[in-house]
Amino acid sequence: MNTMEFFMTEAPEAAQAFNNLIKSLSESTGLDSKTKQLIYISMKASQGDTAAVTAHTHMLKKLGASRDELKETILMTLTVSGIKGVAACLEPALNVFDSEADEK
């Protein structure tokens, strides 16, 4: 059972509220979807969350982002969080991005 499945099983009301928040944020119109993904990836990279960064790299790629946009998004975390997130996330994210480019 993955983390979200466990969350849904153990705390269904909280999980539903969380899902509603995510839905509301994703449907807001102040930023386009690609920009939202770039921001999300930078926040998760600053925390060193490789799993979230690579999962959202798939989404970002589908939204038409370039490899350079992804790379700069992760590198921007250096000024706030130091090397931790870059060291943990840059290579896996670019590997995911490149592997999807090869599949075309």
PDB file of N, CA and C in Angstrom:
ATOM      1  N   MET A   1       0.860  -1.178   0.000  1.00  0.00           N
ATOM      2  CA  MET A   1       0.000   0.000   0.000  1.00  0.00           C
ATOM      3  C   MET A   1       0.905   1.239   0.000  1.00  0.00           C
ATOM      4  N   ASN A   2       0.657   2.146  -0.958  1.00  0.00           N
ATOM      5  CA  ASN A   2       1.463   3.357  -0.996  1.00  0.00           C
ATOM      6  C   ASN A   2       0.972   4.369   0.055  1.00  0.00           C
ATOM      7  N   THR A   3       1.692   5.454   0.181  1.00  0.00           N
ATOM      8  CA  THR A   3       1.414   6.458   1.211  1.00  0.00           C
ATOM      9  C   THR A   3       0.009   7.036   1.089  1.00  0.00           C
ATOM     10  N   MET A   4      -0.412   7.372  -0.119  1.00  0.00           N
ATOM     11  CA  MET A   4      -1.750   7.959  -0.298  1.00  0.00           C
ATOM     12  C   MET A   4      -2.848   6.947  -0.001  1.00  0.00           C
ATOM     13  N   GLU A   5      -2.643   5.697  -0.396  1.00  0.00           N
ATOM     14  CA  GLU A   5      -3.636   4.670  -0.084  1.00  0.00           C
ATOM     15  C   GLU A   5      -3.773   4.500   1.426  1.00  0.00           C
ATOM     16  N   PHE A   6      -2.643   4.510   2.120  1.00  0.00           N
ATOM     17  CA  PHE A   6      -2.652   4.393   3.577  1.00  0.00           C
ATOM     18  C   PHE A   6      -3.385   5.579   4.194  1.00  0.00           C
ATOM     19  N   PHE A   7      -3.092   6.772   3.698  1.00  0.00           N
ATOM     20  CA  PHE A   7      -3.754   7.991   4.170  1.00  0.00           C
ATOM     21  C   PHE A   7      -5.261   7.881   3.975  1.00  0.00           C
ATOM     22  N   MET A   8      -5.683   7.434   2.780  1.00  0.00           N
ATOM     23  CA  MET A   8      -7.117   7.311   2.475  1.00  0.00           C
ATOM     24  C   MET A   8      -7.797   6.278   3.382  1.00  0.00           C
ATOM     25  N   THR A   9      -7.080   5.203   3.678  1.00  0.00           N
ATOM     26  CA  THR A   9      -7.647   4.154   4.525  1.00  0.00           C
ATOM     27  C   THR A   9      -7.747   4.597   5.979  1.00  0.00           C
ATOM     28  N   GLU A  10      -6.703   5.200   6.474  1.00  0.00           N
ATOM     29  CA  GLU A  10      -6.623   5.542   7.891  1.00  0.00           C
ATOM     30  C   GLU A  10      -7.314   6.849   8.257  1.00  0.00           C
ATOM     31  N   ALA A  11      -7.397   7.762   7.320  1.00  0.00           N
ATOM     32  CA  ALA A  11      -7.993   9.074   7.606  1.00  0.00           C
ATOM     33  C   ALA A  11      -8.795   9.548   6.396  1.00  0.00           C
ATOM     34  N   PRO A  12      -9.863   8.856   6.054  1.00  0.00           N
ATOM     35  CA  PRO A  12     -10.586   9.171   4.816  1.00  0.00           C
ATOM     36  C   PRO A  12     -11.123  10.595   4.745  1.00  0.00           C
ATOM     37  N   GLU A  13     -11.616  11.141   5.843  1.00  0.00           N
ATOM     38  CA  GLU A  13     -12.153  12.510   5.804  1.00  0.00           C
ATOM     39  C   GLU A  13     -11.042  13.526   5.566  1.00  0.00           C
ATOM     40  N   ALA A  14      -9.921  13.357   6.244  1.00  0.00           N
ATOM     41  CA  ALA A  14      -8.784  14.264   6.049  1.00  0.00           C
ATOM     42  C   ALA A  14      -8.226  14.115   4.637  1.00  0.00           C
ATOM     43  N   ALA A  15      -8.150  12.878   4.157  1.00  0.00           N
ATOM     44  CA  ALA A  15      -7.646  12.639   2.801  1.00  0.00           C
ATOM     45  C   ALA A  15      -8.549  13.290   1.762  1.00  0.00           C
ATOM     46  N   GLN A  16      -9.849  13.189   1.948  1.00  0.00           N
ATOM     47  CA  GLN A  16     -10.791  13.816   1.010  1.00  0.00           C
ATOM     48  C   GLN A  16     -10.650  15.341   1.041  1.00  0.00           C
ATOM     49  N   ALA A  17     -10.498  15.901   2.225  1.00  0.00           N
ATOM     50  CA  ALA A  17     -10.300  17.351   2.341  1.00  0.00           C
ATOM     51  C   ALA A  17      -9.011  17.768   1.636  1.00  0.00           C
ATOM     52  N   PHE A  18      -7.957  16.975   1.808  1.00  0.00           N
ATOM     53  CA  PHE A  18      -6.685  17.243   1.136  1.00  0.00           C
ATOM     54  C   PHE A  18      -6.856  17.180  -0.379  1.00  0.00           C
ATOM     55  N   ASN A  19      -7.544  16.148  -0.861  1.00  0.00           N
ATOM     56  CA  ASN A  19      -7.785  16.021  -2.302  1.00  0.00           C
ATOM     57  C   ASN A  19      -8.596  17.195  -2.844  1.00  0.00           C
ATOM     58  N   ASN A  20      -9.565  17.669  -2.072  1.00  0.00           N
ATOM     59  CA  ASN A  20     -10.344  18.834  -2.492  1.00  0.00           C
ATOM     60  C   ASN A  20      -9.480  20.086  -2.574  1.00  0.00           C
ATOM     61  N   LEU A  21      -8.540  20.238  -1.637  1.00  0.00           N
ATOM     62  CA  LEU A  21      -7.613  21.369  -1.676  1.00  0.00           C
ATOM     63  C   LEU A  21      -6.750  21.306  -2.940  1.00  0.00           C
ATOM     64  N   ILE A  22      -6.196  20.138  -3.218  1.00  0.00           N
ATOM     65  CA  ILE A  22      -5.371  19.966  -4.417  1.00  0.00           C
ATOM     66  C   ILE A  22      -6.185  20.296  -5.672  1.00  0.00           C
ATOM     67  N   LYS A  23      -7.410  19.796  -5.727  1.00  0.00           N
ATOM     68  CA  LYS A  23      -8.279  20.063  -6.879  1.00  0.00           C
ATOM     69  C   LYS A  23      -8.542  21.560  -7.028  1.00  0.00           C
ATOM     70  N   SER A  24      -8.840  22.225  -5.932  1.00  0.00           N
ATOM     71  CA  SER A  24      -9.107  23.660  -5.966  1.00  0.00           C
ATOM     72  C   SER A  24      -7.892  24.440  -6.465  1.00  0.00           C
ATOM     73  N   LEU A  25      -6.728  24.082  -5.969  1.00  0.00           N
ATOM     74  CA  LEU A  25      -5.507  24.776  -6.395  1.00  0.00           C
ATOM     75  C   LEU A  25      -5.191  24.504  -7.862  1.00  0.00           C
ATOM     76  N   SER A  26      -5.388  23.281  -8.303  1.00  0.00           N
ATOM     77  CA  SER A  26      -5.076  22.958  -9.689  1.00  0.00           C
ATOM     78  C   SER A  26      -6.053  23.600 -10.662  1.00  0.00           C
ATOM     79  N   GLU A  27      -7.268  23.884 -10.203  1.00  0.00           N
ATOM     80  CA  GLU A  27      -8.278  24.504 -11.070  1.00  0.00           C
ATOM     81  C   GLU A  27      -8.252  26.032 -11.030  1.00  0.00           C
ATOM     82  N   SER A  28      -7.460  26.610 -10.128  1.00  0.00           N
ATOM     83  CA  SER A  28      -7.383  28.076 -10.091  1.00  0.00           C
ATOM     84  C   SER A  28      -6.753  28.578 -11.385  1.00  0.00           C
ATOM     85  N   THR A  29      -7.024  29.825 -11.727  1.00  0.00           N
ATOM     86  CA  THR A  29      -6.622  30.325 -13.051  1.00  0.00           C
ATOM     87  C   THR A  29      -5.549  31.409 -13.021  1.00  0.00           C
ATOM     88  N   GLY A  30      -5.000  31.696 -11.866  1.00  0.00           N
ATOM     89  CA  GLY A  30      -3.992  32.752 -11.788  1.00  0.00           C
ATOM     90  C   GLY A  30      -2.676  32.399 -12.459  1.00  0.00           C
ATOM     91  N   LEU A  31      -2.334  31.116 -12.470  1.00  0.00           N
ATOM     92  CA  LEU A  31      -1.114  30.633 -13.112  1.00  0.00           C
ATOM     93  C   LEU A  31      -1.482  29.501 -14.059  1.00  0.00           C
ATOM     94  N   ASP A  32      -0.729  29.368 -15.131  1.00  0.00           N
ATOM     95  CA  ASP A  32      -0.965  28.247 -16.033  1.00  0.00           C
ATOM     96  C   ASP A  32      -0.400  26.973 -15.405  1.00  0.00           C
ATOM     97  N   SER A  33      -0.812  25.835 -15.924  1.00  0.00           N
ATOM     98  CA  SER A  33      -0.439  24.537 -15.349  1.00  0.00           C
ATOM     99  C   SER A  33       1.067  24.292 -15.351  1.00  0.00           C
ATOM    100  N   LYS A  34       1.742  24.693 -16.405  1.00  0.00           N
ATOM    101  CA  LYS A  34       3.186  24.488 -16.468  1.00  0.00           C
ATOM    102  C   LYS A  34       3.886  25.279 -15.376  1.00  0.00           C
ATOM    103  N   THR A  35       3.492  26.521 -15.179  1.00  0.00           N
ATOM    104  CA  THR A  35       4.099  27.351 -14.130  1.00  0.00           C
ATOM    105  C   THR A  35       3.838  26.737 -12.757  1.00  0.00           C
ATOM    106  N   LYS A  36       2.632  26.248 -12.531  1.00  0.00           N
ATOM    107  CA  LYS A  36       2.320  25.601 -11.252  1.00  0.00           C
ATOM    108  C   LYS A  36       3.227  24.401 -11.017  1.00  0.00           C
ATOM    109  N   GLN A  37       3.446  23.600 -12.051  1.00  0.00           N
ATOM    110  CA  GLN A  37       4.324  22.439 -11.898  1.00  0.00           C
ATOM    111  C   GLN A  37       5.767  22.853 -11.636  1.00  0.00           C
ATOM    112  N   LEU A  38       6.233  23.885 -12.309  1.00  0.00           N
ATOM    113  CA  LEU A  38       7.594  24.372 -12.066  1.00  0.00           C
ATOM    114  C   LEU A  38       7.750  24.827 -10.617  1.00  0.00           C
ATOM    115  N   ILE A  39       6.774  25.545 -10.109  1.00  0.00           N
ATOM    116  CA  ILE A  39       6.817  26.003  -8.716  1.00  0.00           C
ATOM    117  C   ILE A  39       6.797  24.811  -7.767  1.00  0.00           C
ATOM    118  N   TYR A  40       5.904  23.877  -8.021  1.00  0.00           N
ATOM    119  CA  TYR A  40       5.804  22.702  -7.158  1.00  0.00           C
ATOM    120  C   TYR A  40       7.116  21.923  -7.138  1.00  0.00           C
ATOM    121  N   ILE A  41       7.687  21.705  -8.317  1.00  0.00           N
ATOM    122  CA  ILE A  41       8.958  20.983  -8.399  1.00  0.00           C
ATOM    123  C   ILE A  41      10.046  21.721  -7.628  1.00  0.00           C
ATOM    124  N   SER A  42      10.090  23.028  -7.734  1.00  0.00           N
ATOM    125  CA  SER A  42      11.131  23.765  -7.000  1.00  0.00           C
ATOM    126  C   SER A  42      10.939  23.629  -5.492  1.00  0.00           C
ATOM    127  N   MET A  43       9.695  23.672  -5.036  1.00  0.00           N
ATOM    128  CA  MET A  43       9.449  23.531  -3.594  1.00  0.00           C
ATOM    129  C   MET A  43       9.835  22.139  -3.112  1.00  0.00           C
ATOM    130  N   LYS A  44       9.470  21.121  -3.861  1.00  0.00           N
ATOM    131  CA  LYS A  44       9.790  19.754  -3.446  1.00  0.00           C
ATOM    132  C   LYS A  44      11.290  19.481  -3.575  1.00  0.00           C
ATOM    133  N   ALA A  45      11.932  20.054  -4.590  1.00  0.00           N
ATOM    134  CA  ALA A  45      13.388  19.891  -4.712  1.00  0.00           C
ATOM    135  C   ALA A  45      14.109  20.562  -3.551  1.00  0.00           C
ATOM    136  N   SER A  46      13.612  21.706  -3.107  1.00  0.00           N
ATOM    137  CA  SER A  46      14.261  22.390  -1.981  1.00  0.00           C
ATOM    138  C   SER A  46      14.200  21.541  -0.715  1.00  0.00           C
ATOM    139  N   GLN A  47      13.228  20.623  -0.650  1.00  0.00           N
ATOM    140  CA  GLN A  47      13.110  19.699   0.478  1.00  0.00           C
ATOM    141  C   GLN A  47      13.859  18.389   0.233  1.00  0.00           C
ATOM    142  N   GLY A  48      14.404  18.226  -0.960  1.00  0.00           N
ATOM    143  CA  GLY A  48      15.100  16.988  -1.306  1.00  0.00           C
ATOM    144  C   GLY A  48      14.162  15.825  -1.569  1.00  0.00           C
ATOM    145  N   ASP A  49      12.915  16.109  -1.940  1.00  0.00           N
ATOM    146  CA  ASP A  49      11.900  15.080  -2.157  1.00  0.00           C
ATOM    147  C   ASP A  49      11.984  14.551  -3.590  1.00  0.00           C
ATOM    148  N   THR A  50      12.890  13.618  -3.791  1.00  0.00           N
ATOM    149  CA  THR A  50      13.142  13.079  -5.124  1.00  0.00           C
ATOM    150  C   THR A  50      11.912  12.407  -5.726  1.00  0.00           C
ATOM    151  N   ALA A  51      11.163  11.676  -4.920  1.00  0.00           N
ATOM    152  CA  ALA A  51       9.983  10.976  -5.440  1.00  0.00           C
ATOM    153  C   ALA A  51       8.968  11.961  -6.016  1.00  0.00           C
ATOM    154  N   ALA A  52       8.696  13.033  -5.296  1.00  0.00           N
ATOM    155  CA  ALA A  52       7.731  14.022  -5.790  1.00  0.00           C
ATOM    156  C   ALA A  52       8.271  14.737  -7.027  1.00  0.00           C
ATOM    157  N   VAL A  53       9.549  15.080  -7.007  1.00  0.00           N
ATOM    158  CA  VAL A  53      10.147  15.785  -8.149  1.00  0.00           C
ATOM    159  C   VAL A  53      10.073  14.924  -9.406  1.00  0.00           C
ATOM    160  N   THR A  54      10.443  13.659  -9.299  1.00  0.00           N
ATOM    161  CA  THR A  54      10.415  12.818 -10.499  1.00  0.00           C
ATOM    162  C   THR A  54       8.985  12.555 -10.954  1.00  0.00           C
ATOM    163  N   ALA A  55       8.061  12.381 -10.020  1.00  0.00           N
ATOM    164  CA  ALA A  55       6.656  12.172 -10.413  1.00  0.00           C
ATOM    165  C   ALA A  55       6.113  13.398 -11.144  1.00  0.00           C
ATOM    166  N   HIS A  56       6.440  14.570 -10.654  1.00  0.00           N
ATOM    167  CA  HIS A  56       5.928  15.788 -11.280  1.00  0.00           C
ATOM    168  C   HIS A  56       6.709  16.158 -12.536  1.00  0.00           C
ATOM    169  N   THR A  57       7.907  15.602 -12.706  1.00  0.00           N
ATOM    170  CA  THR A  57       8.647  15.802 -13.952  1.00  0.00           C
ATOM    171  C   THR A  57       7.867  15.199 -15.110  1.00  0.00           C
ATOM    172  N   HIS A  58       7.236  14.048 -14.888  1.00  0.00           N
ATOM    173  CA  HIS A  58       6.387  13.440 -15.935  1.00  0.00           C
ATOM    174  C   HIS A  58       5.287  14.410 -16.342  1.00  0.00           C
ATOM    175  N   MET A  59       4.633  15.003 -15.360  1.00  0.00           N
ATOM    176  CA  MET A  59       3.540  15.945 -15.638  1.00  0.00           C
ATOM    177  C   MET A  59       4.057  17.181 -16.368  1.00  0.00           C
ATOM    178  N   LEU A  60       5.191  17.688 -15.899  1.00  0.00           N
ATOM    179  CA  LEU A  60       5.787  18.884 -16.499  1.00  0.00           C
ATOM    180  C   LEU A  60       6.141  18.647 -17.960  1.00  0.00           C
ATOM    181  N   LYS A  61       6.715  17.504 -18.241  1.00  0.00           N
ATOM    182  CA  LYS A  61       7.090  17.158 -19.611  1.00  0.00           C
ATOM    183  C   LYS A  61       5.847  17.140 -20.513  1.00  0.00           C
ATOM    184  N   LYS A  62       4.754  16.579 -20.018  1.00  0.00           N
ATOM    185  CA  LYS A  62       3.514  16.524 -20.803  1.00  0.00           C
ATOM    186  C   LYS A  62       2.949  17.915 -21.065  1.00  0.00           C
ATOM    187  N   LEU A  63       3.299  18.876 -20.208  1.00  0.00           N
ATOM    188  CA  LEU A  63       2.815  20.250 -20.376  1.00  0.00           C
ATOM    189  C   LEU A  63       3.704  21.071 -21.315  1.00  0.00           C
ATOM    190  N   GLY A  64       4.733  20.435 -21.874  1.00  0.00           N
ATOM    191  CA  GLY A  64       5.560  21.102 -22.869  1.00  0.00           C
ATOM    192  C   GLY A  64       6.776  21.843 -22.341  1.00  0.00           C
ATOM    193  N   ALA A  65       7.149  21.601 -21.108  1.00  0.00           N
ATOM    194  CA  ALA A  65       8.326  22.275 -20.556  1.00  0.00           C
ATOM    195  C   ALA A  65       9.597  21.724 -21.198  1.00  0.00           C
ATOM    196  N   SER A  66      10.600  22.545 -21.242  1.00  0.00           N
ATOM    197  CA  SER A  66      11.885  22.116 -21.786  1.00  0.00           C
ATOM    198  C   SER A  66      12.773  21.555 -20.679  1.00  0.00           C
ATOM    199  N   ARG A  67      13.796  20.845 -21.084  1.00  0.00           N
ATOM    200  CA  ARG A  67      14.786  20.312 -20.137  1.00  0.00           C
ATOM    201  C   ARG A  67      15.447  21.458 -19.377  1.00  0.00           C
ATOM    202  N   ASP A  68      15.760  22.549 -20.085  1.00  0.00           N
ATOM    203  CA  ASP A  68      16.390  23.699 -19.432  1.00  0.00           C
ATOM    204  C   ASP A  68      15.478  24.336 -18.386  1.00  0.00           C
ATOM    205  N   GLU A  69      14.170  24.380 -18.653  1.00  0.00           N
ATOM    206  CA  GLU A  69      13.238  24.920 -17.658  1.00  0.00           C
ATOM    207  C   GLU A  69      13.248  24.063 -16.388  1.00  0.00           C
ATOM    208  N   LEU A  70      13.242  22.759 -16.571  1.00  0.00           N
ATOM    209  CA  LEU A  70      13.299  21.854 -15.429  1.00  0.00           C
ATOM    210  C   LEU A  70      14.605  22.038 -14.660  1.00  0.00           C
ATOM    211  N   LYS A  71      15.706  22.065 -15.374  1.00  0.00           N
ATOM    212  CA  LYS A  71      17.018  22.202 -14.735  1.00  0.00           C
ATOM    213  C   LYS A  71      17.115  23.505 -13.960  1.00  0.00           C
ATOM    214  N   GLU A  72      16.722  24.610 -14.557  1.00  0.00           N
ATOM    215  CA  GLU A  72      16.793  25.902 -13.869  1.00  0.00           C
ATOM    216  C   GLU A  72      15.872  25.964 -12.663  1.00  0.00           C
ATOM    217  N   THR A  73      14.714  25.308 -12.767  1.00  0.00           N
ATOM    218  CA  THR A  73      13.777  25.264 -11.641  1.00  0.00           C
ATOM    219  C   THR A  73      14.429  24.615 -10.432  1.00  0.00           C
ATOM    220  N   ILE A  74      15.118  23.516 -10.652  1.00  0.00           N
ATOM    221  CA  ILE A  74      15.793  22.833  -9.541  1.00  0.00           C
ATOM    222  C   ILE A  74      17.005  23.632  -9.077  1.00  0.00           C
ATOM    223  N   LEU A  75      17.755  24.197  -9.992  1.00  0.00           N
ATOM    224  CA  LEU A  75      18.938  24.984  -9.605  1.00  0.00           C
ATOM    225  C   LEU A  75      18.576  26.237  -8.813  1.00  0.00           C
ATOM    226  N   MET A  76      17.378  26.790  -9.064  1.00  0.00           N
ATOM    227  CA  MET A  76      16.948  27.982  -8.314  1.00  0.00           C
ATOM    228  C   MET A  76      16.833  27.715  -6.818  1.00  0.00           C
ATOM    229  N   THR A  77      16.682  26.461  -6.428  1.00  0.00           N
ATOM    230  CA  THR A  77      16.568  26.150  -5.007  1.00  0.00           C
ATOM    231  C   THR A  77      17.879  26.361  -4.261  1.00  0.00           C
ATOM    232  N   LEU A  78      18.983  26.458  -4.976  1.00  0.00           N
ATOM    233  CA  LEU A  78      20.289  26.688  -4.340  1.00  0.00           C
ATOM    234  C   LEU A  78      20.291  27.948  -3.481  1.00  0.00           C
ATOM    235  N   THR A  79      19.630  28.986  -3.961  1.00  0.00           N
ATOM    236  CA  THR A  79      19.672  30.266  -3.252  1.00  0.00           C
ATOM    237  C   THR A  79      18.875  30.262  -1.961  1.00  0.00           C
ATOM    238  N   VAL A  80      17.955  29.308  -1.823  1.00  0.00           N
ATOM    239  CA  VAL A  80      17.101  29.243  -0.649  1.00  0.00           C
ATOM    240  C   VAL A  80      17.484  28.087   0.272  1.00  0.00           C
ATOM    241  N   SER A  81      17.764  26.938  -0.326  1.00  0.00           N
ATOM    242  CA  SER A  81      17.931  25.720   0.460  1.00  0.00           C
ATOM    243  C   SER A  81      19.315  25.092   0.383  1.00  0.00           C
ATOM    244  N   GLY A  82      20.199  25.668  -0.385  1.00  0.00           N
ATOM    245  CA  GLY A  82      21.529  25.073  -0.501  1.00  0.00           C
ATOM    246  C   GLY A  82      21.556  23.893  -1.452  1.00  0.00           C
ATOM    247  N   ILE A  83      22.583  23.091  -1.299  1.00  0.00           N
ATOM    248  CA  ILE A  83      22.871  22.029  -2.262  1.00  0.00           C
ATOM    249  C   ILE A  83      22.029  20.767  -2.084  1.00  0.00           C
ATOM    250  N   LYS A  84      21.398  20.574  -0.939  1.00  0.00           N
ATOM    251  CA  LYS A  84      20.705  19.316  -0.636  1.00  0.00           C
ATOM    252  C   LYS A  84      19.723  18.896  -1.723  1.00  0.00           C
ATOM    253  N   GLY A  85      18.809  19.773  -2.064  1.00  0.00           N
ATOM    254  CA  GLY A  85      17.798  19.431  -3.055  1.00  0.00           C
ATOM    255  C   GLY A  85      18.367  19.228  -4.437  1.00  0.00           C
ATOM    256  N   VAL A  86      19.339  20.039  -4.797  1.00  0.00           N
ATOM    257  CA  VAL A  86      19.960  19.898  -6.117  1.00  0.00           C
ATOM    258  C   VAL A  86      20.685  18.559  -6.192  1.00  0.00           C
ATOM    259  N   ALA A  87      21.434  18.240  -5.136  1.00  0.00           N
ATOM    260  CA  ALA A  87      22.176  16.980  -5.120  1.00  0.00           C
ATOM    261  C   ALA A  87      21.232  15.782  -5.175  1.00  0.00           C
ATOM    262  N   ALA A  88      20.108  15.873  -4.504  1.00  0.00           N
ATOM    263  CA  ALA A  88      19.171  14.753  -4.450  1.00  0.00           C
ATOM    264  C   ALA A  88      18.291  14.651  -5.689  1.00  0.00           C
ATOM    265  N   CYS A  89      17.938  15.771  -6.285  1.00  0.00           N
ATOM    266  CA  CYS A  89      16.859  15.773  -7.282  1.00  0.00           C
ATOM    267  C   CYS A  89      17.269  16.054  -8.717  1.00  0.00           C
ATOM    268  N   LEU A  90      18.355  16.754  -8.944  1.00  0.00           N
ATOM    269  CA  LEU A  90      18.665  17.177 -10.312  1.00  0.00           C
ATOM    270  C   LEU A  90      18.886  15.987 -11.249  1.00  0.00           C
ATOM    271  N   GLU A  91      19.759  15.089 -10.867  1.00  0.00           N
ATOM    272  CA  GLU A  91      20.049  13.961 -11.750  1.00  0.00           C
ATOM    273  C   GLU A  91      18.826  13.069 -11.995  1.00  0.00           C
ATOM    274  N   PRO A  92      18.090  12.656 -10.947  1.00  0.00           N
ATOM    275  CA  PRO A  92      16.906  11.819 -11.222  1.00  0.00           C
ATOM    276  C   PRO A  92      15.859  12.520 -12.090  1.00  0.00           C
ATOM    277  N   ALA A  93      15.648  13.804 -11.862  1.00  0.00           N
ATOM    278  CA  ALA A  93      14.649  14.530 -12.654  1.00  0.00           C
ATOM    279  C   ALA A  93      15.067  14.614 -14.117  1.00  0.00           C
ATOM    280  N   LEU A  94      16.324  14.939 -14.358  1.00  0.00           N
ATOM    281  CA  LEU A  94      16.789  15.030 -15.744  1.00  0.00           C
ATOM    282  C   LEU A  94      16.806  13.656 -16.407  1.00  0.00           C
ATOM    283  N   ASN A  95      17.107  12.610 -15.639  1.00  0.00           N
ATOM    284  CA  ASN A  95      17.054  11.254 -16.195  1.00  0.00           C
ATOM    285  C   ASN A  95      15.639  10.897 -16.629  1.00  0.00           C
ATOM    286  N   VAL A  96      14.642  11.238 -15.799  1.00  0.00           N
ATOM    287  CA  VAL A  96      13.249  10.989 -16.166  1.00  0.00           C
ATOM    288  C   VAL A  96      12.888  11.781 -17.417  1.00  0.00           C
ATOM    289  N   PHE A  97      13.255  13.049 -17.422  1.00  0.00           N
ATOM    290  CA  PHE A  97      12.956  13.911 -18.565  1.00  0.00           C
ATOM    291  C   PHE A  97      13.585  13.341 -19.833  1.00  0.00           C
ATOM    292  N   ASP A  98      14.865  12.972 -19.748  1.00  0.00           N
ATOM    293  CA  ASP A  98      15.573  12.456 -20.926  1.00  0.00           C
ATOM    294  C   ASP A  98      15.017  11.114 -21.393  1.00  0.00           C
ATOM    295  N   SER A  99      14.636  10.256 -20.465  1.00  0.00           N
ATOM    296  CA  SER A  99      14.104   8.954 -20.864  1.00  0.00           C
ATOM    297  C   SER A  99      12.770   9.113 -21.581  1.00  0.00           C
ATOM    298  N   GLU A 100      11.986  10.072 -21.174  1.00  0.00           N
ATOM    299  CA  GLU A 100      10.721  10.320 -21.872  1.00  0.00           C
ATOM    300  C   GLU A 100      10.971  10.941 -23.236  1.00  0.00           C
ATOM    301  N   ALA A 101      12.024  11.730 -23.376  1.00  0.00           N
ATOM    302  CA  ALA A 101      12.352  12.319 -24.673  1.00  0.00           C
ATOM    303  C   ALA A 101      12.759  11.218 -25.646  1.00  0.00           C
ATOM    304  N   ASP A 102      13.449  10.181 -25.135  1.00  0.00           N
ATOM    305  CA  ASP A 102      13.881   9.080 -25.969  1.00  0.00           C
ATOM    306  C   ASP A 102      12.723   8.201 -26.439  1.00  0.00           C
ATOM    307  N   GLU A 103      11.617   8.219 -25.694  1.00  0.00           N
ATOM    308  CA  GLU A 103      10.464   7.375 -26.020  1.00  0.00           C
ATOM    309  C   GLU A 103       9.637   7.922 -27.168  1.00  0.00           C
ATOM    310  N   LYS A 104       9.850   9.157 -27.547  1.00  0.00           N
ATOM    311  CA  LYS A 104       9.052   9.769 -28.623  1.00  0.00           C
ATOM    312  C   LYS A 104       9.412   9.202 -29.974  1.00  0.00           C
TER     313      LYS A 104
END
